C-alpha cells in the first residue's frame, strides 16, 4: 500500500470540484463528503520538522 501525499489529496479535491461544477444537476452528496474528508486530512497534516 502506498502513502498518499498532500499533493494527491489536493488534486483529488480539484477534480471533484471540477466535476461538480461541470454537472451541477447530479447528486454529488458522496463527492461533497469526500471533499470534506480530504480537506480535513489536508488541514490536519502532521508537522514535518525541518532539517537543520
Protein backbone atom coordinates (compact mmCIF):
# COMPACT_ATOMS: atom_id res chain seq x y z
CA UNK A 1 0.00 0.00 0.00
CA UNK A 2 1.38 3.40 -0.96
CA UNK A 3 1.22 6.53 1.14
CA UNK A 4 -1.00 9.29 -0.22
CA UNK A 5 0.63 12.69 -0.45
CA UNK A 6 -0.94 16.02 0.35
CA UNK A 7 -0.49 16.95 -3.30
CA UNK A 8 -2.54 13.92 -4.38
CA UNK A 9 -5.29 14.85 -1.93
CA UNK A 10 -5.37 18.42 -3.24
CA UNK A 11 -5.55 17.11 -6.81
CA UNK A 12 -8.47 14.83 -5.92
CA UNK A 13 -10.32 17.78 -4.36
CA UNK A 14 -9.71 19.84 -7.53
CA UNK A 15 -11.01 17.02 -9.77
CA UNK A 16 -14.13 16.56 -7.67
CA UNK A 17 -14.85 20.30 -7.62
CA UNK A 18 -14.39 20.47 -11.39
CA UNK A 19 -16.83 17.59 -11.85
CA UNK A 20 -19.41 19.22 -9.58
CA UNK A 21 -19.10 22.49 -11.45
CA UNK A 22 -19.40 20.78 -14.84
CA UNK A 23 -22.53 18.80 -13.85
CA UNK A 24 -24.42 20.62 -11.07
CA UNK A 25 -27.60 18.72 -11.92
CA UNK A 26 -26.23 15.46 -10.48
CA UNK A 27 -26.41 14.29 -6.89
CA UNK A 28 -22.93 14.98 -5.52
CA UNK A 29 -23.59 14.04 -1.90
CA UNK A 30 -20.84 11.42 -1.70
CA UNK A 31 -18.36 13.63 -3.57
CA UNK A 32 -19.05 16.50 -1.17
CA UNK A 33 -18.47 14.19 1.79
CA UNK A 34 -15.19 13.06 0.23
CA UNK A 35 -14.14 16.70 -0.29
CA UNK A 36 -14.89 17.43 3.37
CA UNK A 37 -12.80 14.44 4.45
CA UNK A 38 -9.91 15.38 2.17
CA UNK A 39 -9.94 18.98 3.39
CA UNK A 40 -9.77 17.76 7.00
CA UNK A 41 -6.84 15.49 6.16
CA UNK A 42 -5.03 18.33 4.39
CA UNK A 43 -5.67 20.74 7.28
CA UNK A 44 -4.59 18.22 9.93
CA UNK A 45 -1.41 17.05 8.27
CA UNK A 46 1.33 16.35 10.81
CA UNK A 47 4.06 18.95 11.00
CA UNK A 48 7.28 17.70 9.48
CA UNK A 49 10.36 19.00 11.26
CA UNK A 50 12.67 21.00 9.02
CA UNK A 51 16.18 19.62 8.66
CA UNK A 52 18.93 21.69 10.27
